[in-house]
Amino acid sequence: MGLGGCIILIAVGAILTFATDFELEGINVTLVGAILMLVGVIGTIAFTSIARRRRLLMTQTPPVVEGGRTHDDRLI
């Protein structure tokens, strides 16, 4: 589940919590909406922390030196 899935969970949970007024027998729709929002927020936090960690772990490799010139040198 990516960031989009987490945002969808938050949106559906908010709709069930704040915008509905129907009741189902044996199911508390408001509680289900709150649980969906909580899961969406936890997923968003987990996704962003994993993405940040990936970004920090990626390192740039030093340029390769061959014959006194690096591959990053440009001809003028």
PDB file of N, CA and C in Angstrom:
ATOM      1  N   MET A   1       0.850  -1.159   0.000  1.00  0.00           N
ATOM      2  CA  MET A   1       0.000   0.000   0.000  1.00  0.00           C
ATOM      3  C   MET A   1       0.901   1.228   0.000  1.00  0.00           C
ATOM      4  N   GLY A   2       0.727   2.055  -0.979  1.00  0.00           N
ATOM      5  CA  GLY A   2       1.536   3.257  -1.077  1.00  0.00           C
ATOM      6  C   GLY A   2       0.871   4.439  -0.407  1.00  0.00           C
ATOM      7  N   LEU A   3       1.388   5.594  -0.716  1.00  0.00           N
ATOM      8  CA  LEU A   3       0.866   6.817  -0.127  1.00  0.00           C
ATOM      9  C   LEU A   3      -0.570   7.080  -0.578  1.00  0.00           C
ATOM     10  N   GLY A   4      -0.872   6.754  -1.820  1.00  0.00           N
ATOM     11  CA  GLY A   4      -2.234   6.955  -2.323  1.00  0.00           C
ATOM     12  C   GLY A   4      -3.250   6.107  -1.583  1.00  0.00           C
ATOM     13  N   GLY A   5      -2.896   4.869  -1.290  1.00  0.00           N
ATOM     14  CA  GLY A   5      -3.791   3.994  -0.536  1.00  0.00           C
ATOM     15  C   GLY A   5      -4.048   4.511   0.863  1.00  0.00           C
ATOM     16  N   CYS A   6      -3.027   5.067   1.482  1.00  0.00           N
ATOM     17  CA  CYS A   6      -3.183   5.631   2.823  1.00  0.00           C
ATOM     18  C   CYS A   6      -4.111   6.843   2.806  1.00  0.00           C
ATOM     19  N   ILE A   7      -3.964   7.670   1.791  1.00  0.00           N
ATOM     20  CA  ILE A   7      -4.828   8.848   1.681  1.00  0.00           C
ATOM     21  C   ILE A   7      -6.269   8.431   1.432  1.00  0.00           C
ATOM     22  N   ILE A   8      -6.476   7.387   0.642  1.00  0.00           N
ATOM     23  CA  ILE A   8      -7.832   6.883   0.401  1.00  0.00           C
ATOM     24  C   ILE A   8      -8.440   6.359   1.696  1.00  0.00           C
ATOM     25  N   LEU A   9      -7.656   5.635   2.499  1.00  0.00           N
ATOM     26  CA  LEU A   9      -8.162   5.151   3.785  1.00  0.00           C
ATOM     27  C   LEU A   9      -8.569   6.307   4.694  1.00  0.00           C
ATOM     28  N   ILE A  10      -7.768   7.351   4.720  1.00  0.00           N
ATOM     29  CA  ILE A  10      -8.099   8.513   5.546  1.00  0.00           C
ATOM     30  C   ILE A  10      -9.389   9.165   5.049  1.00  0.00           C
ATOM     31  N   ALA A  11      -9.533   9.295   3.736  1.00  0.00           N
ATOM     32  CA  ALA A  11     -10.724   9.934   3.173  1.00  0.00           C
ATOM     33  C   ALA A  11     -11.980   9.107   3.442  1.00  0.00           C
ATOM     34  N   VAL A  12     -11.910   7.805   3.217  1.00  0.00           N
ATOM     35  CA  VAL A  12     -13.080   6.943   3.460  1.00  0.00           C
ATOM     36  C   VAL A  12     -13.430   6.940   4.944  1.00  0.00           C
ATOM     37  N   GLY A  13     -12.417   6.894   5.794  1.00  0.00           N
ATOM     38  CA  GLY A  13     -12.669   6.941   7.230  1.00  0.00           C
ATOM     39  C   GLY A  13     -13.319   8.242   7.660  1.00  0.00           C
ATOM     40  N   ALA A  14     -12.880   9.357   7.091  1.00  0.00           N
ATOM     41  CA  ALA A  14     -13.485  10.649   7.423  1.00  0.00           C
ATOM     42  C   ALA A  14     -14.927  10.715   6.950  1.00  0.00           C
ATOM     43  N   ILE A  15     -15.202  10.156   5.781  1.00  0.00           N
ATOM     44  CA  ILE A  15     -16.581  10.137   5.282  1.00  0.00           C
ATOM     45  C   ILE A  15     -17.461   9.313   6.207  1.00  0.00           C
ATOM     46  N   LEU A  16     -16.986   8.129   6.593  1.00  0.00           N
ATOM     47  CA  LEU A  16     -17.789   7.283   7.481  1.00  0.00           C
ATOM     48  C   LEU A  16     -17.963   7.910   8.861  1.00  0.00           C
ATOM     49  N   THR A  17     -16.962   8.624   9.337  1.00  0.00           N
ATOM     50  CA  THR A  17     -17.037   9.197  10.678  1.00  0.00           C
ATOM     51  C   THR A  17     -17.894  10.458  10.722  1.00  0.00           C
ATOM     52  N   PHE A  18     -17.689  11.353   9.778  1.00  0.00           N
ATOM     53  CA  PHE A  18     -18.301  12.673   9.889  1.00  0.00           C
ATOM     54  C   PHE A  18     -19.481  12.918   8.958  1.00  0.00           C
ATOM     55  N   ALA A  19     -19.592  12.199   7.851  1.00  0.00           N
ATOM     56  CA  ALA A  19     -20.594  12.555   6.844  1.00  0.00           C
ATOM     57  C   ALA A  19     -21.747  11.563   6.738  1.00  0.00           C
ATOM     58  N   THR A  20     -21.752  10.519   7.519  1.00  0.00           N
ATOM     59  CA  THR A  20     -22.848   9.554   7.430  1.00  0.00           C
ATOM     60  C   THR A  20     -23.676   9.604   8.698  1.00  0.00           C
ATOM     61  N   ASP A  21     -24.961   9.318   8.536  1.00  0.00           N
ATOM     62  CA  ASP A  21     -25.841   9.292   9.702  1.00  0.00           C
ATOM     63  C   ASP A  21     -26.659   8.003   9.778  1.00  0.00           C
ATOM     64  N   PHE A  22     -26.325   7.008   8.966  1.00  0.00           N
ATOM     65  CA  PHE A  22     -27.054   5.747   9.028  1.00  0.00           C
ATOM     66  C   PHE A  22     -26.401   4.807  10.036  1.00  0.00           C
ATOM     67  N   GLU A  23     -27.174   3.838  10.491  1.00  0.00           N
ATOM     68  CA  GLU A  23     -26.666   2.874  11.457  1.00  0.00           C
ATOM     69  C   GLU A  23     -26.912   1.477  10.940  1.00  0.00           C
ATOM     70  N   LEU A  24     -25.939   0.624  11.131  1.00  0.00           N
ATOM     71  CA  LEU A  24     -26.071  -0.780  10.785  1.00  0.00           C
ATOM     72  C   LEU A  24     -26.148  -1.579  12.080  1.00  0.00           C
ATOM     73  N   GLU A  25     -26.967  -2.613  12.071  1.00  0.00           N
ATOM     74  CA  GLU A  25     -27.128  -3.415  13.275  1.00  0.00           C
ATOM     75  C   GLU A  25     -25.835  -4.184  13.566  1.00  0.00           C
ATOM     76  N   GLY A  26     -25.281  -3.968  14.726  1.00  0.00           N
ATOM     77  CA  GLY A  26     -24.072  -4.669  15.133  1.00  0.00           C
ATOM     78  C   GLY A  26     -22.779  -4.011  14.691  1.00  0.00           C
ATOM     79  N   ILE A  27     -22.854  -2.927  13.918  1.00  0.00           N
ATOM     80  CA  ILE A  27     -21.651  -2.247  13.436  1.00  0.00           C
ATOM     81  C   ILE A  27     -21.749  -0.765  13.784  1.00  0.00           C
ATOM     82  N   ASN A  28     -20.739  -0.257  14.439  1.00  0.00           N
ATOM     83  CA  ASN A  28     -20.658   1.163  14.735  1.00  0.00           C
ATOM     84  C   ASN A  28     -19.881   1.823  13.593  1.00  0.00           C
ATOM     85  N   VAL A  29     -20.601   2.486  12.690  1.00  0.00           N
ATOM     86  CA  VAL A  29     -19.993   3.060  11.488  1.00  0.00           C
ATOM     87  C   VAL A  29     -18.990   4.155  11.852  1.00  0.00           C
ATOM     88  N   THR A  30     -19.269   4.906  12.888  1.00  0.00           N
ATOM     89  CA  THR A  30     -18.351   5.957  13.319  1.00  0.00           C
ATOM     90  C   THR A  30     -17.022   5.360  13.783  1.00  0.00           C
ATOM     91  N   LEU A  31     -17.089   4.262  14.523  1.00  0.00           N
ATOM     92  CA  LEU A  31     -15.868   3.607  14.987  1.00  0.00           C
ATOM     93  C   LEU A  31     -15.081   3.010  13.825  1.00  0.00           C
ATOM     94  N   VAL A  32     -15.771   2.421  12.866  1.00  0.00           N
ATOM     95  CA  VAL A  32     -15.093   1.872  11.684  1.00  0.00           C
ATOM     96  C   VAL A  32     -14.375   2.990  10.933  1.00  0.00           C
ATOM     97  N   GLY A  33     -15.017   4.138  10.792  1.00  0.00           N
ATOM     98  CA  GLY A  33     -14.385   5.278  10.131  1.00  0.00           C
ATOM     99  C   GLY A  33     -13.163   5.772  10.878  1.00  0.00           C
ATOM    100  N   ALA A  34     -13.260   5.830  12.205  1.00  0.00           N
ATOM    101  CA  ALA A  34     -12.114   6.273  13.002  1.00  0.00           C
ATOM    102  C   ALA A  34     -10.953   5.293  12.881  1.00  0.00           C
ATOM    103  N   ILE A  35     -11.253   4.000  12.852  1.00  0.00           N
ATOM    104  CA  ILE A  35     -10.202   2.991  12.695  1.00  0.00           C
ATOM    105  C   ILE A  35      -9.539   3.127  11.331  1.00  0.00           C
ATOM    106  N   LEU A  36     -10.322   3.354  10.281  1.00  0.00           N
ATOM    107  CA  LEU A  36      -9.744   3.526   8.947  1.00  0.00           C
ATOM    108  C   LEU A  36      -8.841   4.754   8.886  1.00  0.00           C
ATOM    109  N   MET A  37      -9.279   5.846   9.514  1.00  0.00           N
ATOM    110  CA  MET A  37      -8.432   7.039   9.536  1.00  0.00           C
ATOM    111  C   MET A  37      -7.135   6.780  10.293  1.00  0.00           C
ATOM    112  N   LEU A  38      -7.211   6.070  11.412  1.00  0.00           N
ATOM    113  CA  LEU A  38      -6.017   5.765  12.192  1.00  0.00           C
ATOM    114  C   LEU A  38      -5.046   4.897  11.403  1.00  0.00           C
ATOM    115  N   VAL A  39      -5.568   3.884  10.720  1.00  0.00           N
ATOM    116  CA  VAL A  39      -4.712   3.019   9.902  1.00  0.00           C
ATOM    117  C   VAL A  39      -4.082   3.819   8.760  1.00  0.00           C
ATOM    118  N   GLY A  40      -4.842   4.732   8.154  1.00  0.00           N
ATOM    119  CA  GLY A  40      -4.300   5.574   7.090  1.00  0.00           C
ATOM    120  C   GLY A  40      -3.182   6.478   7.574  1.00  0.00           C
ATOM    121  N   VAL A  41      -3.342   7.050   8.757  1.00  0.00           N
ATOM    122  CA  VAL A  41      -2.298   7.924   9.312  1.00  0.00           C
ATOM    123  C   VAL A  41      -1.050   7.113   9.651  1.00  0.00           C
ATOM    124  N   ILE A  42      -1.234   5.937  10.258  1.00  0.00           N
ATOM    125  CA  ILE A  42      -0.082   5.084  10.579  1.00  0.00           C
ATOM    126  C   ILE A  42       0.636   4.660   9.299  1.00  0.00           C
ATOM    127  N   GLY A  43      -0.125   4.313   8.263  1.00  0.00           N
ATOM    128  CA  GLY A  43       0.482   3.936   6.990  1.00  0.00           C
ATOM    129  C   GLY A  43       1.239   5.080   6.350  1.00  0.00           C
ATOM    130  N   THR A  44       0.694   6.288   6.442  1.00  0.00           N
ATOM    131  CA  THR A  44       1.373   7.462   5.885  1.00  0.00           C
ATOM    132  C   THR A  44       2.693   7.719   6.607  1.00  0.00           C
ATOM    133  N   ILE A  45       2.674   7.617   7.931  1.00  0.00           N
ATOM    134  CA  ILE A  45       3.905   7.821   8.703  1.00  0.00           C
ATOM    135  C   ILE A  45       4.936   6.758   8.351  1.00  0.00           C
ATOM    136  N   ALA A  46       4.498   5.508   8.257  1.00  0.00           N
ATOM    137  CA  ALA A  46       5.428   4.423   7.920  1.00  0.00           C
ATOM    138  C   ALA A  46       5.995   4.609   6.514  1.00  0.00           C
ATOM    139  N   PHE A  47       5.136   4.972   5.564  1.00  0.00           N
ATOM    140  CA  PHE A  47       5.589   5.149   4.183  1.00  0.00           C
ATOM    141  C   PHE A  47       6.611   6.270   4.072  1.00  0.00           C
ATOM    142  N   THR A  48       6.345   7.403   4.721  1.00  0.00           N
ATOM    143  CA  THR A  48       7.280   8.527   4.612  1.00  0.00           C
ATOM    144  C   THR A  48       8.593   8.242   5.335  1.00  0.00           C
ATOM    145  N   SER A  49       8.541   7.517   6.449  1.00  0.00           N
ATOM    146  CA  SER A  49       9.795   7.210   7.146  1.00  0.00           C
ATOM    147  C   SER A  49      10.639   6.226   6.343  1.00  0.00           C
ATOM    148  N   ILE A  50      10.005   5.263   5.692  1.00  0.00           N
ATOM    149  CA  ILE A  50      10.748   4.319   4.852  1.00  0.00           C
ATOM    150  C   ILE A  50      11.331   5.038   3.642  1.00  0.00           C
ATOM    151  N   ALA A  51      10.564   5.931   3.035  1.00  0.00           N
ATOM    152  CA  ALA A  51      11.060   6.672   1.872  1.00  0.00           C
ATOM    153  C   ALA A  51      12.223   7.578   2.264  1.00  0.00           C
ATOM    154  N   ARG A  52      12.144   8.200   3.430  1.00  0.00           N
ATOM    155  CA  ARG A  52      13.229   9.070   3.893  1.00  0.00           C
ATOM    156  C   ARG A  52      14.485   8.249   4.158  1.00  0.00           C
ATOM    157  N   ARG A  53      14.323   7.071   4.755  1.00  0.00           N
ATOM    158  CA  ARG A  53      15.476   6.222   5.047  1.00  0.00           C
ATOM    159  C   ARG A  53      16.135   5.753   3.757  1.00  0.00           C
ATOM    160  N   ARG A  54      15.336   5.406   2.748  1.00  0.00           N
ATOM    161  CA  ARG A  54      15.894   4.996   1.459  1.00  0.00           C
ATOM    162  C   ARG A  54      16.705   6.122   0.837  1.00  0.00           C
ATOM    163  N   ARG A  55      16.179   7.328   0.930  1.00  0.00           N
ATOM    164  CA  ARG A  55      16.856   8.473   0.345  1.00  0.00           C
ATOM    165  C   ARG A  55      18.185   8.733   1.045  1.00  0.00           C
ATOM    166  N   LEU A  56      18.237   8.534   2.359  1.00  0.00           N
ATOM    167  CA  LEU A  56      19.476   8.766   3.092  1.00  0.00           C
ATOM    168  C   LEU A  56      20.505   7.677   2.841  1.00  0.00           C
ATOM    169  N   LEU A  57      20.067   6.448   2.579  1.00  0.00           N
ATOM    170  CA  LEU A  57      20.996   5.346   2.384  1.00  0.00           C
ATOM    171  C   LEU A  57      21.634   5.341   1.005  1.00  0.00           C
ATOM    172  N   MET A  58      21.007   5.979   0.029  1.00  0.00           N
ATOM    173  CA  MET A  58      21.573   6.008  -1.318  1.00  0.00           C
ATOM    174  C   MET A  58      22.739   6.991  -1.337  1.00  0.00           C
ATOM    175  N   THR A  59      23.910   6.510  -1.700  1.00  0.00           N
ATOM    176  CA  THR A  59      25.093   7.369  -1.746  1.00  0.00           C
ATOM    177  C   THR A  59      25.562   7.492  -3.182  1.00  0.00           C
ATOM    178  N   GLN A  60      26.222   8.587  -3.459  1.00  0.00           N
ATOM    179  CA  GLN A  60      26.765   8.780  -4.791  1.00  0.00           C
ATOM    180  C   GLN A  60      28.128   8.118  -4.868  1.00  0.00           C
ATOM    181  N   THR A  61      28.379   7.478  -5.981  1.00  0.00           N
ATOM    182  CA  THR A  61      29.683   6.855  -6.179  1.00  0.00           C
ATOM    183  C   THR A  61      30.659   7.906  -6.690  1.00  0.00           C
ATOM    184  N   PRO A  62      31.905   7.815  -6.276  1.00  0.00           N
ATOM    185  CA  PRO A  62      32.890   8.789  -6.763  1.00  0.00           C
ATOM    186  C   PRO A  62      33.137   8.576  -8.255  1.00  0.00           C
ATOM    187  N   PRO A  63      33.489   9.629  -8.970  1.00  0.00           N
ATOM    188  CA  PRO A  63      33.739   9.483 -10.404  1.00  0.00           C
ATOM    189  C   PRO A  63      34.959   8.599 -10.662  1.00  0.00           C
ATOM    190  N   VAL A  64      34.916   7.873 -11.756  1.00  0.00           N
ATOM    191  CA  VAL A  64      36.005   6.973 -12.128  1.00  0.00           C
ATOM    192  C   VAL A  64      37.089   7.781 -12.827  1.00  0.00           C
ATOM    193  N   VAL A  65      38.330   7.590 -12.379  1.00  0.00           N
ATOM    194  CA  VAL A  65      39.459   8.314 -12.964  1.00  0.00           C
ATOM    195  C   VAL A  65      40.196   7.371 -13.902  1.00  0.00           C
ATOM    196  N   GLU A  66      40.310   7.784 -15.168  1.00  0.00           N
ATOM    197  CA  GLU A  66      41.049   7.004 -16.162  1.00  0.00           C
ATOM    198  C   GLU A  66      41.972   7.949 -16.917  1.00  0.00           C
ATOM    199  N   GLY A  67      43.243   7.714 -16.837  1.00  0.00           N
ATOM    200  CA  GLY A  67      44.200   8.516 -17.592  1.00  0.00           C
ATOM    201  C   GLY A  67      44.229   9.969 -17.165  1.00  0.00           C
ATOM    202  N   GLY A  68      43.994  10.252 -15.911  1.00  0.00           N
ATOM    203  CA  GLY A  68      44.071  11.621 -15.430  1.00  0.00           C
ATOM    204  C   GLY A  68      42.794  12.423 -15.642  1.00  0.00           C
ATOM    205  N   ARG A  69      41.801  11.847 -16.283  1.00  0.00           N
ATOM    206  CA  ARG A  69      40.530  12.554 -16.491  1.00  0.00           C
ATOM    207  C   ARG A  69      39.410  11.752 -15.852  1.00  0.00           C
ATOM    208  N   THR A  70      38.474  12.435 -15.328  1.00  0.00           N
ATOM    209  CA  THR A  70      37.311  11.748 -14.767  1.00  0.00           C
ATOM    210  C   THR A  70      36.219  11.701 -15.820  1.00  0.00           C
ATOM    211  N   HIS A  71      35.288  10.821 -15.623  1.00  0.00           N
ATOM    212  CA  HIS A  71      34.164  10.730 -16.556  1.00  0.00           C
ATOM    213  C   HIS A  71      33.227  11.927 -16.435  1.00  0.00           C
ATOM    214  N   ASP A  72      33.364  12.685 -15.353  1.00  0.00           N
ATOM    215  CA  ASP A  72      32.529  13.863 -15.179  1.00  0.00           C
ATOM    216  C   ASP A  72      33.096  15.084 -15.890  1.00  0.00           C
ATOM    217  N   ASP A  73      34.370  15.029 -16.322  1.00  0.00           N
ATOM    218  CA  ASP A  73      34.971  16.157 -17.033  1.00  0.00           C
ATOM    219  C   ASP A  73      34.280  16.337 -18.379  1.00  0.00           C
ATOM    220  N   ARG A  74      34.060  17.571 -18.730  1.00  0.00           N
ATOM    221  CA  ARG A  74      33.428  17.859 -20.015  1.00  0.00           C
ATOM    222  C   ARG A  74      34.432  18.552 -20.923  1.00  0.00           C
ATOM    223  N   LEU A  75      34.347  18.248 -22.182  1.00  0.00           N
ATOM    224  CA  LEU A  75      35.231  18.896 -23.151  1.00  0.00           C
ATOM    225  C   LEU A  75      34.740  20.304 -23.418  1.00  0.00           C
ATOM    226  N   ILE A  76      35.681  21.232 -23.499  1.00  0.00           N
ATOM    227  CA  ILE A  76      35.309  22.630 -23.748  1.00  0.00           C
ATOM    228  C   ILE A  76      35.503  22.948 -25.203  1.00  0.00           C
TER     229      ILE A  76
END
